[in-house]
Amino acid sequence: MNITKARVTKNIKEEPSNEHYDFWNIEATLLDKCPENATQFLADSTEIKALQVEAMRIDTTRTVVTIRTRRQSVLKPGDVIHLSTN
């Protein structure tokens, strides 16, 4: 398993007009090169303070990732997070 750093650029609600819909998207820019053999990223729920809904599928050309969560994360633009790859 490899760890890749990413800087948060956005933390936005998926359906802002629906107060009962509690899914959020954390958008982040990769700070490290994506490992060539990686197929998906997983965020540490204790670091992002929210439950990641599903693993992010990736390819080696991506520089921006979106982490879909249930509940709003405490992360704000500029925060650096660690993503594990498999």
PDB file of N, CA and C in Angstrom:
ATOM      1  N   MET A   1       0.837  -1.168   0.000  1.00  0.00           N
ATOM      2  CA  MET A   1       0.000   0.000   0.000  1.00  0.00           C
ATOM      3  C   MET A   1       0.891   1.244   0.000  1.00  0.00           C
ATOM      4  N   ASN A   2       0.574   2.206  -0.849  1.00  0.00           N
ATOM      5  CA  ASN A   2       1.305   3.473  -0.935  1.00  0.00           C
ATOM      6  C   ASN A   2       0.445   4.590  -0.364  1.00  0.00           C
ATOM      7  N   ILE A   3       1.092   5.633   0.144  1.00  0.00           N
ATOM      8  CA  ILE A   3       0.382   6.813   0.641  1.00  0.00           C
ATOM      9  C   ILE A   3       0.689   7.974  -0.294  1.00  0.00           C
ATOM     10  N   THR A   4      -0.356   8.671  -0.712  1.00  0.00           N
ATOM     11  CA  THR A   4      -0.239   9.821  -1.600  1.00  0.00           C
ATOM     12  C   THR A   4      -0.844  11.030  -0.900  1.00  0.00           C
ATOM     13  N   LYS A   5      -0.167  12.160  -0.939  1.00  0.00           N
ATOM     14  CA  LYS A   5      -0.690  13.386  -0.335  1.00  0.00           C
ATOM     15  C   LYS A   5      -1.533  14.150  -1.348  1.00  0.00           C
ATOM     16  N   ALA A   6      -2.556  14.855  -0.818  1.00  0.00           N
ATOM     17  CA  ALA A   6      -3.418  15.682  -1.660  1.00  0.00           C
ATOM     18  C   ALA A   6      -3.830  16.922  -0.873  1.00  0.00           C
ATOM     19  N   ARG A   7      -3.991  18.046  -1.579  1.00  0.00           N
ATOM     20  CA  ARG A   7      -4.423  19.302  -0.951  1.00  0.00           C
ATOM     21  C   ARG A   7      -5.892  19.549  -1.286  1.00  0.00           C
ATOM     22  N   VAL A   8      -6.698  19.753  -0.258  1.00  0.00           N
ATOM     23  CA  VAL A   8      -8.132  19.994  -0.428  1.00  0.00           C
ATOM     24  C   VAL A   8      -8.354  21.339  -1.120  1.00  0.00           C
ATOM     25  N   THR A   9      -9.218  21.331  -2.147  1.00  0.00           N
ATOM     26  CA  THR A   9      -9.571  22.573  -2.842  1.00  0.00           C
ATOM     27  C   THR A   9     -11.035  22.962  -2.618  1.00  0.00           C
ATOM     28  N   LYS A  10     -11.900  21.952  -2.369  1.00  0.00           N
ATOM     29  CA  LYS A  10     -13.332  22.212  -2.142  1.00  0.00           C
ATOM     30  C   LYS A  10     -13.886  21.174  -1.185  1.00  0.00           C
ATOM     31  N   ASN A  11     -14.927  21.557  -0.461  1.00  0.00           N
ATOM     32  CA  ASN A  11     -15.687  20.640   0.379  1.00  0.00           C
ATOM     33  C   ASN A  11     -17.141  21.094   0.270  1.00  0.00           C
ATOM     34  N   ILE A  12     -17.873  20.512  -0.679  1.00  0.00           N
ATOM     35  CA  ILE A  12     -19.204  21.024  -1.008  1.00  0.00           C
ATOM     36  C   ILE A  12     -20.277  19.939  -0.898  1.00  0.00           C
ATOM     37  N   LYS A  13     -21.488  20.363  -0.574  1.00  0.00           N
ATOM     38  CA  LYS A  13     -22.631  19.459  -0.464  1.00  0.00           C
ATOM     39  C   LYS A  13     -23.114  19.102  -1.865  1.00  0.00           C
ATOM     40  N   GLU A  14     -23.464  17.828  -2.068  1.00  0.00           N
ATOM     41  CA  GLU A  14     -23.928  17.387  -3.395  1.00  0.00           C
ATOM     42  C   GLU A  14     -25.258  18.023  -3.787  1.00  0.00           C
ATOM     43  N   GLU A  15     -26.204  18.064  -2.878  1.00  0.00           N
ATOM     44  CA  GLU A  15     -27.534  18.623  -3.148  1.00  0.00           C
ATOM     45  C   GLU A  15     -27.813  19.746  -2.148  1.00  0.00           C
ATOM     46  N   PRO A  16     -27.286  20.943  -2.392  1.00  0.00           N
ATOM     47  CA  PRO A  16     -27.418  22.012  -1.404  1.00  0.00           C
ATOM     48  C   PRO A  16     -28.862  22.426  -1.110  1.00  0.00           C
ATOM     49  N   SER A  17     -29.763  22.197  -2.040  1.00  0.00           N
ATOM     50  CA  SER A  17     -31.150  22.607  -1.827  1.00  0.00           C
ATOM     51  C   SER A  17     -31.938  21.618  -0.971  1.00  0.00           C
ATOM     52  N   ASN A  18     -31.389  20.430  -0.715  1.00  0.00           N
ATOM     53  CA  ASN A  18     -32.077  19.404   0.069  1.00  0.00           C
ATOM     54  C   ASN A  18     -31.374  19.246   1.413  1.00  0.00           C
ATOM     55  N   GLU A  19     -32.005  19.770   2.482  1.00  0.00           N
ATOM     56  CA  GLU A  19     -31.352  19.736   3.801  1.00  0.00           C
ATOM     57  C   GLU A  19     -31.228  18.330   4.376  1.00  0.00           C
ATOM     58  N   HIS A  20     -32.005  17.362   3.888  1.00  0.00           N
ATOM     59  CA  HIS A  20     -31.951  15.991   4.397  1.00  0.00           C
ATOM     60  C   HIS A  20     -30.946  15.122   3.650  1.00  0.00           C
ATOM     61  N   TYR A  21     -30.462  15.597   2.543  1.00  0.00           N
ATOM     62  CA  TYR A  21     -29.475  14.857   1.744  1.00  0.00           C
ATOM     63  C   TYR A  21     -28.104  15.188   2.326  1.00  0.00           C
ATOM     64  N   ASP A  22     -27.425  14.183   2.872  1.00  0.00           N
ATOM     65  CA  ASP A  22     -26.195  14.448   3.619  1.00  0.00           C
ATOM     66  C   ASP A  22     -24.966  13.811   2.969  1.00  0.00           C
ATOM     67  N   PHE A  23     -24.792  14.035   1.667  1.00  0.00           N
ATOM     68  CA  PHE A  23     -23.600  13.574   0.956  1.00  0.00           C
ATOM     69  C   PHE A  23     -22.797  14.786   0.525  1.00  0.00           C
ATOM     70  N   TRP A  24     -21.474  14.664   0.671  1.00  0.00           N
ATOM     71  CA  TRP A  24     -20.567  15.766   0.402  1.00  0.00           C
ATOM     72  C   TRP A  24     -19.455  15.306  -0.518  1.00  0.00           C
ATOM     73  N   ASN A  25     -18.863  16.242  -1.241  1.00  0.00           N
ATOM     74  CA  ASN A  25     -17.724  15.949  -2.111  1.00  0.00           C
ATOM     75  C   ASN A  25     -16.531  16.788  -1.681  1.00  0.00           C
ATOM     76  N   ILE A  26     -15.453  16.095  -1.346  1.00  0.00           N
ATOM     77  CA  ILE A  26     -14.187  16.763  -1.043  1.00  0.00           C
ATOM     78  C   ILE A  26     -13.344  16.647  -2.305  1.00  0.00           C
ATOM     79  N   GLU A  27     -13.005  17.772  -2.888  1.00  0.00           N
ATOM     80  CA  GLU A  27     -12.148  17.769  -4.077  1.00  0.00           C
ATOM     81  C   GLU A  27     -10.738  18.111  -3.636  1.00  0.00           C
ATOM     82  N   ALA A  28      -9.764  17.355  -4.145  1.00  0.00           N
ATOM     83  CA  ALA A  28      -8.375  17.569  -3.742  1.00  0.00           C
ATOM     84  C   ALA A  28      -7.436  17.366  -4.923  1.00  0.00           C
ATOM     85  N   THR A  29      -6.355  18.120  -4.918  1.00  0.00           N
ATOM     86  CA  THR A  29      -5.314  18.017  -5.937  1.00  0.00           C
ATOM     87  C   THR A  29      -4.178  17.167  -5.392  1.00  0.00           C
ATOM     88  N   LEU A  30      -3.756  16.186  -6.169  1.00  0.00           N
ATOM     89  CA  LEU A  30      -2.665  15.314  -5.738  1.00  0.00           C
ATOM     90  C   LEU A  30      -1.361  16.102  -5.666  1.00  0.00           C
ATOM     91  N   LEU A  31      -0.616  15.912  -4.591  1.00  0.00           N
ATOM     92  CA  LEU A  31       0.684  16.564  -4.428  1.00  0.00           C
ATOM     93  C   LEU A  31       1.823  15.630  -4.820  1.00  0.00           C
ATOM     94  N   ASP A  32       1.532  14.339  -4.818  1.00  0.00           N
ATOM     95  CA  ASP A  32       2.510  13.328  -5.206  1.00  0.00           C
ATOM     96  C   ASP A  32       2.061  12.697  -6.522  1.00  0.00           C
ATOM     97  N   LYS A  33       3.008  12.135  -7.226  1.00  0.00           N
ATOM     98  CA  LYS A  33       2.678  11.422  -8.455  1.00  0.00           C
ATOM     99  C   LYS A  33       1.889  10.160  -8.104  1.00  0.00           C
ATOM    100  N   CYS A  34       0.874   9.888  -8.875  1.00  0.00           N
ATOM    101  CA  CYS A  34       0.049   8.705  -8.658  1.00  0.00           C
ATOM    102  C   CYS A  34       0.869   7.451  -8.971  1.00  0.00           C
ATOM    103  N   PRO A  35       0.921   6.485  -8.052  1.00  0.00           N
ATOM    104  CA  PRO A  35       1.668   5.258  -8.331  1.00  0.00           C
ATOM    105  C   PRO A  35       1.117   4.540  -9.562  1.00  0.00           C
ATOM    106  N   GLU A  36       1.997   4.023 -10.395  1.00  0.00           N
ATOM    107  CA  GLU A  36       1.575   3.413 -11.657  1.00  0.00           C
ATOM    108  C   GLU A  36       0.658   2.208 -11.493  1.00  0.00           C
ATOM    109  N   ASN A  37       0.822   1.447 -10.425  1.00  0.00           N
ATOM    110  CA  ASN A  37       0.019   0.245 -10.249  1.00  0.00           C
ATOM    111  C   ASN A  37      -1.259   0.487  -9.440  1.00  0.00           C
ATOM    112  N   ALA A  38      -1.541   1.729  -9.042  1.00  0.00           N
ATOM    113  CA  ALA A  38      -2.706   2.034  -8.217  1.00  0.00           C
ATOM    114  C   ALA A  38      -3.999   1.955  -9.026  1.00  0.00           C
ATOM    115  N   THR A  39      -5.041   1.448  -8.394  1.00  0.00           N
ATOM    116  CA  THR A  39      -6.350   1.373  -9.052  1.00  0.00           C
ATOM    117  C   THR A  39      -7.409   2.181  -8.325  1.00  0.00           C
ATOM    118  N   GLN A  40      -7.193   2.449  -7.042  1.00  0.00           N
ATOM    119  CA  GLN A  40      -8.162   3.250  -6.299  1.00  0.00           C
ATOM    120  C   GLN A  40      -7.505   3.918  -5.096  1.00  0.00           C
ATOM    121  N   PHE A  41      -8.129   5.010  -4.637  1.00  0.00           N
ATOM    122  CA  PHE A  41      -7.685   5.730  -3.450  1.00  0.00           C
ATOM    123  C   PHE A  41      -8.696   5.515  -2.333  1.00  0.00           C
ATOM    124  N   LEU A  42      -8.206   5.451  -1.118  1.00  0.00           N
ATOM    125  CA  LEU A  42      -9.053   5.424   0.069  1.00  0.00           C
ATOM    126  C   LEU A  42      -8.558   6.500   1.027  1.00  0.00           C
ATOM    127  N   ALA A  43      -9.499   7.266   1.565  1.00  0.00           N
ATOM    128  CA  ALA A  43      -9.163   8.281   2.551  1.00  0.00           C
ATOM    129  C   ALA A  43      -9.355   7.686   3.942  1.00  0.00           C
ATOM    130  N   ASP A  44      -8.558   8.129   4.882  1.00  0.00           N
ATOM    131  CA  ASP A  44      -8.686   7.684   6.265  1.00  0.00           C
ATOM    132  C   ASP A  44      -9.839   8.453   6.910  1.00  0.00           C
ATOM    133  N   SER A  45     -10.886   7.748   7.328  1.00  0.00           N
ATOM    134  CA  SER A  45     -12.072   8.419   7.872  1.00  0.00           C
ATOM    135  C   SER A  45     -11.761   9.181   9.161  1.00  0.00           C
ATOM    136  N   THR A  46     -10.746   8.755   9.912  1.00  0.00           N
ATOM    137  CA  THR A  46     -10.384   9.509  11.114  1.00  0.00           C
ATOM    138  C   THR A  46      -9.674  10.822  10.763  1.00  0.00           C
ATOM    139  N   GLU A  47      -9.008  10.845   9.621  1.00  0.00           N
ATOM    140  CA  GLU A  47      -8.343  12.080   9.194  1.00  0.00           C
ATOM    141  C   GLU A  47      -9.337  13.054   8.568  1.00  0.00           C
ATOM    142  N   ILE A  48     -10.248  12.564   7.757  1.00  0.00           N
ATOM    143  CA  ILE A  48     -11.199  13.463   7.091  1.00  0.00           C
ATOM    144  C   ILE A  48     -12.435  13.720   7.947  1.00  0.00           C
ATOM    145  N   LYS A  49     -12.581  12.987   9.053  1.00  0.00           N
ATOM    146  CA  LYS A  49     -13.696  13.158  10.002  1.00  0.00           C
ATOM    147  C   LYS A  49     -15.060  12.972   9.336  1.00  0.00           C
ATOM    148  N   ALA A  50     -15.133  12.008   8.428  1.00  0.00           N
ATOM    149  CA  ALA A  50     -16.381  11.666   7.757  1.00  0.00           C
ATOM    150  C   ALA A  50     -16.209  10.267   7.162  1.00  0.00           C
ATOM    151  N   LEU A  51     -17.295   9.639   6.827  1.00  0.00           N
ATOM    152  CA  LEU A  51     -17.257   8.299   6.248  1.00  0.00           C
ATOM    153  C   LEU A  51     -17.191   8.389   4.731  1.00  0.00           C
ATOM    154  N   GLN A  52     -16.131   7.852   4.150  1.00  0.00           N
ATOM    155  CA  GLN A  52     -16.017   7.809   2.689  1.00  0.00           C
ATOM    156  C   GLN A  52     -17.013   6.776   2.178  1.00  0.00           C
ATOM    157  N   VAL A  53     -17.845   7.157   1.220  1.00  0.00           N
ATOM    158  CA  VAL A  53     -18.907   6.293   0.735  1.00  0.00           C
ATOM    159  C   VAL A  53     -18.368   5.165  -0.135  1.00  0.00           C
ATOM    160  N   GLU A  54     -17.432   5.481  -1.000  1.00  0.00           N
ATOM    161  CA  GLU A  54     -16.878   4.461  -1.892  1.00  0.00           C
ATOM    162  C   GLU A  54     -15.445   4.826  -2.251  1.00  0.00           C
ATOM    163  N   ALA A  55     -14.660   3.823  -2.590  1.00  0.00           N
ATOM    164  CA  ALA A  55     -13.281   4.082  -3.009  1.00  0.00           C
ATOM    165  C   ALA A  55     -13.291   4.821  -4.339  1.00  0.00           C
ATOM    166  N   MET A  56     -12.308   5.678  -4.536  1.00  0.00           N
ATOM    167  CA  MET A  56     -12.191   6.424  -5.786  1.00  0.00           C
ATOM    168  C   MET A  56     -11.377   5.606  -6.772  1.00  0.00           C
ATOM    169  N   ARG A  57     -11.915   5.363  -7.940  1.00  0.00           N
ATOM    170  CA  ARG A  57     -11.142   4.705  -8.995  1.00  0.00           C
ATOM    171  C   ARG A  57     -10.212   5.750  -9.595  1.00  0.00           C
ATOM    172  N   ILE A  58      -9.009   5.319  -9.935  1.00  0.00           N
ATOM    173  CA  ILE A  58      -8.025   6.275 -10.444  1.00  0.00           C
ATOM    174  C   ILE A  58      -7.292   5.712 -11.649  1.00  0.00           C
ATOM    175  N   ASP A  59      -6.643   6.605 -12.343  1.00  0.00           N
ATOM    176  CA  ASP A  59      -5.677   6.208 -13.360  1.00  0.00           C
ATOM    177  C   ASP A  59      -4.478   7.128 -13.198  1.00  0.00           C
ATOM    178  N   THR A  60      -3.385   6.788 -13.805  1.00  0.00           N
ATOM    179  CA  THR A  60      -2.133   7.518 -13.562  1.00  0.00           C
ATOM    180  C   THR A  60      -2.108   8.917 -14.158  1.00  0.00           C
ATOM    181  N   THR A  61      -3.106   9.301 -14.950  1.00  0.00           N
ATOM    182  CA  THR A  61      -3.124  10.641 -15.535  1.00  0.00           C
ATOM    183  C   THR A  61      -3.871  11.647 -14.660  1.00  0.00           C
ATOM    184  N   ARG A  62      -4.529  11.208 -13.639  1.00  0.00           N
ATOM    185  CA  ARG A  62      -5.332  12.117 -12.807  1.00  0.00           C
ATOM    186  C   ARG A  62      -4.462  12.966 -11.894  1.00  0.00           C
ATOM    187  N   THR A  63      -4.881  14.213 -11.718  1.00  0.00           N
ATOM    188  CA  THR A  63      -4.209  15.092 -10.768  1.00  0.00           C
ATOM    189  C   THR A  63      -5.199  15.614  -9.720  1.00  0.00           C
ATOM    190  N   VAL A  64      -6.501  15.439  -9.961  1.00  0.00           N
ATOM    191  CA  VAL A  64      -7.548  15.875  -9.046  1.00  0.00           C
ATOM    192  C   VAL A  64      -8.437  14.677  -8.728  1.00  0.00           C
ATOM    193  N   VAL A  65      -8.794  14.534  -7.447  1.00  0.00           N
ATOM    194  CA  VAL A  65      -9.678  13.446  -7.035  1.00  0.00           C
ATOM    195  C   VAL A  65     -10.863  14.024  -6.270  1.00  0.00           C
ATOM    196  N   THR A  66     -11.961  13.294  -6.271  1.00  0.00           N
ATOM    197  CA  THR A  66     -13.139  13.668  -5.501  1.00  0.00           C
ATOM    198  C   THR A  66     -13.463  12.538  -4.532  1.00  0.00           C
ATOM    199  N   ILE A  67     -13.561  12.889  -3.269  1.00  0.00           N
ATOM    200  CA  ILE A  67     -13.886  11.928  -2.222  1.00  0.00           C
ATOM    201  C   ILE A  67     -15.342  12.163  -1.831  1.00  0.00           C
ATOM    202  N   ARG A  68     -16.177  11.176  -2.047  1.00  0.00           N
ATOM    203  CA  ARG A  68     -17.596  11.299  -1.712  1.00  0.00           C
ATOM    204  C   ARG A  68     -17.791  10.790  -0.286  1.00  0.00           C
ATOM    205  N   THR A  69     -18.409  11.634   0.559  1.00  0.00           N
ATOM    206  CA  THR A  69     -18.583  11.274   1.965  1.00  0.00           C
ATOM    207  C   THR A  69     -20.028  11.405   2.412  1.00  0.00           C
ATOM    208  N   ARG A  70     -20.327  10.697   3.487  1.00  0.00           N
ATOM    209  CA  ARG A  70     -21.590  10.893   4.190  1.00  0.00           C
ATOM    210  C   ARG A  70     -21.241  11.786   5.372  1.00  0.00           C
ATOM    211  N   ARG A  71     -21.959  12.869   5.553  1.00  0.00           N
ATOM    212  CA  ARG A  71     -21.694  13.919   6.538  1.00  0.00           C
ATOM    213  C   ARG A  71     -20.619  14.865   6.025  1.00  0.00           C
ATOM    214  N   GLN A  72     -20.674  16.073   6.492  1.00  0.00           N
ATOM    215  CA  GLN A  72     -19.675  17.061   6.115  1.00  0.00           C
ATOM    216  C   GLN A  72     -18.376  16.814   6.871  1.00  0.00           C
ATOM    217  N   SER A  73     -17.297  16.874   6.157  1.00  0.00           N
ATOM    218  CA  SER A  73     -15.977  16.755   6.756  1.00  0.00           C
ATOM    219  C   SER A  73     -15.556  18.107   7.322  1.00  0.00           C
ATOM    220  N   VAL A  74     -14.650  18.083   8.281  1.00  0.00           N
ATOM    221  CA  VAL A  74     -14.126  19.329   8.861  1.00  0.00           C
ATOM    222  C   VAL A  74     -13.049  19.954   7.977  1.00  0.00           C
ATOM    223  N   LEU A  75     -12.665  19.271   6.904  1.00  0.00           N
ATOM    224  CA  LEU A  75     -11.599  19.771   6.038  1.00  0.00           C
ATOM    225  C   LEU A  75     -12.001  21.058   5.335  1.00  0.00           C
ATOM    226  N   LYS A  76     -11.003  21.891   5.118  1.00  0.00           N
ATOM    227  CA  LYS A  76     -11.235  23.145   4.391  1.00  0.00           C
ATOM    228  C   LYS A  76     -10.148  23.299   3.328  1.00  0.00           C
ATOM    229  N   PRO A  77     -10.379  24.150   2.335  1.00  0.00           N
ATOM    230  CA  PRO A  77      -9.369  24.340   1.297  1.00  0.00           C
ATOM    231  C   PRO A  77      -8.008  24.673   1.904  1.00  0.00           C
ATOM    232  N   GLY A  78      -6.983  23.999   1.370  1.00  0.00           N
ATOM    233  CA  GLY A  78      -5.625  24.189   1.849  1.00  0.00           C
ATOM    234  C   GLY A  78      -5.145  23.065   2.755  1.00  0.00           C
ATOM    235  N   ASP A  79      -6.076  22.326   3.366  1.00  0.00           N
ATOM    236  CA  ASP A  79      -5.681  21.205   4.218  1.00  0.00           C
ATOM    237  C   ASP A  79      -5.040  20.106   3.371  1.00  0.00           C
ATOM    238  N   VAL A  80      -4.048  19.429   3.934  1.00  0.00           N
ATOM    239  CA  VAL A  80      -3.382  18.317   3.247  1.00  0.00           C
ATOM    240  C   VAL A  80      -3.862  17.016   3.880  1.00  0.00           C
ATOM    241  N   ILE A  81      -4.260  16.064   3.020  1.00  0.00           N
ATOM    242  CA  ILE A  81      -4.725  14.763   3.491  1.00  0.00           C
ATOM    243  C   ILE A  81      -3.844  13.662   2.878  1.00  0.00           C
ATOM    244  N   HIS A  82      -3.968  12.480   3.426  1.00  0.00           N
ATOM    245  CA  HIS A  82      -3.193  11.315   2.966  1.00  0.00           C
ATOM    246  C   HIS A  82      -4.164  10.278   2.423  1.00  0.00           C
ATOM    247  N   LEU A  83      -3.909   9.828   1.214  1.00  0.00           N
ATOM    248  CA  LEU A  83      -4.746   8.832   0.558  1.00  0.00           C
ATOM    249  C   LEU A  83      -3.944   7.565   0.366  1.00  0.00           C
ATOM    250  N   SER A  84      -4.528   6.434   0.718  1.00  0.00           N
ATOM    251  CA  SER A  84      -3.838   5.175   0.510  1.00  0.00           C
ATOM    252  C   SER A  84      -4.283   4.606  -0.831  1.00  0.00           C
ATOM    253  N   THR A  85      -3.363   3.934  -1.499  1.00  0.00           N
ATOM    254  CA  THR A  85      -3.652   3.311  -2.783  1.00  0.00           C
ATOM    255  C   THR A  85      -3.407   1.810  -2.691  1.00  0.00           C
ATOM    256  N   ASN A  86      -4.094   1.089  -3.528  1.00  0.00           N
ATOM    257  CA  ASN A  86      -3.831  -0.356  -3.571  1.00  0.00           C
ATOM    258  C   ASN A  86      -3.616  -0.794  -4.980  1.00  0.00           C
TER     259      ASN A  86
END
